[in-house]
Amino acid sequence: MAAEAKPTRADADPPPDVLRKAIAASAVGNATEWFDYGIYAYGVTYISAALFPGEAAEATLFALATFAISFLVRPLGGFFWGPLGDRLGRRSVLAITIVLMAGATFCVGLIPSYHAIGLWATGILVVLRVIQGFSTGGEYGGAATFMAEYAPDDRRGFYGSFLEVGTLAGFSVGALLMLGFSLALGDEAMQDWGWRLPFLVAGPLGFVGMYLRSKIEDTPVFREIEAAGVQEPDAGSELRDLISLYWKPLLVMSGLVIALNVVNYTLLSYMPTYLERRLGLSTQQALIVPIIGMLFMMVLLPFAGALSDRVGRKPLWWFSLVGLFLLVIPLYHLMDASFLGAILGFAALGLLYAPQLATISATFPAMFPTPVRFAGFAIAYNVSTSLFGGTAPAVNSWLIGRTGDPTIPAYYMMGACLIGMVALFFTIETAGHSLRGSHIPGTDASRRELASQAQP
């Protein structure tokens, strides 16, 4: 680890206008990322028919597996972009990743069909998903770190929740576009060319995000360690320090991410396919149910984030994990009852999941000290997400096919919640604690370091 030095303090709280710009710059990248997931998940039946061989069920499984491929390369992105963001700055990395991410999504809409170029269409899609996954490996950890380091310590939960509002907004807009084009153009036109239109919207989104990020300084917390010269000298040194000094927060965060993202991708990415193919809802009904649930969750997130500033992050996580574990099976049976039951069941699952989602940006960056924060977050988050989150749609579909049990996703979520409970037991409560310094926030070492800096 680089030698410690007393940093030069930046202003504790940035001006309101700067804070608003930082929130927008962070959230727009997350919205772009999830816009891609939304249009892919909600258009998977069209994408599978256009770019994959085989019958509908087989092509859909291939399309879901391709969706998972982008997650398998996310750890590589985390290992590359994370240390870079700790040495060059959060803003520089975020400006690059959003361009790569949006560009890859845009190009999906330009791929010729399978009937036109055969397996080349599938291959090009795989390459673009790899690029998208690699760039996302630095996007989310960087955006959450950027948001958390700009937010006031006593309101980090509230401001951080808007990153996840961006998540759901991006996903919802993507889903609504796919649904809107489907209703307006009809199934034949969607199968032929209409599915491409939502992907093309990602291009302008990327340019907006790059512009916003180019107009704001790096975080005050990062500028302090940059001025003090306490950054890691190179990526190799940082990775060695992470493994040797911070293996415990890496493991704890990984466990929390397993719970978070198995629920996340099962609810958001797989649900349209599940409702249509397993429960027999129409394509439009299967798209409407999660959209209503996500809009409901968007309203809840700022309230949950603000509550975490008052009572702590851990109580909200306990409520979410235990509630999901106990109620997910009854709620899946409710969704199976009718279209209205599907809406109510999904909304209830969203209510239980919202406390986790609202506090990601406040909880996870605070698990690492500033010199290794971006890399620690990016690596732990992306390794766990690639193994358990992005693969959830394909795993659920495969398990249902093997067992014939449509409640498999509920059991999968229950297992993930148990892992999350174990990790949460070892999590340090960091609500209200400063993210400054070269020690893990919330620890005695961090408090002593901040106290010494406060002395004249």
Foldseek 3Di string as FASTA:
>chain_A
DFDDDQWDADDQADPPVQLVLLLVLLQLLLLLLLLLLQLCLLCLQLCLLFAHDDDSLVSSLVSLVLLLLLLQLLLVLLLPQQLVCLVVHLLVLQLVLLQQQLVLLQCLLVQGGCVVPNNVSVVSSSVSSNSNSSSVLQNNLSSLLQSQLNHRQLQSLLSSLSSVLSNLNSSLVSLVQNLVLCVVVHDVCSSVRSSSVSSNVSNVSSVVSSVSSVPHDGGSQSVRCVRRVRADPDSVRLVVCCVPPVVLLLLLLLLQLLLLQLLVCVLRRQQLVLCCVPLPDDSSLSSVQSSLLSVLLSVCQSVLSNVCSVVFLLVLLVQLLVVLLPCVLVLVVQLSPDSVSSNVSSNVNSVSSNSSSSCPSVFQLLQAASNSSSSSSSNSNSVSCSVRRSCSNSVLSVVCVVPVDSCVSSVSSNVSSVSNVVSSVVGATQNSWNRHDHGRTRDPVSVVSVVVSPDD
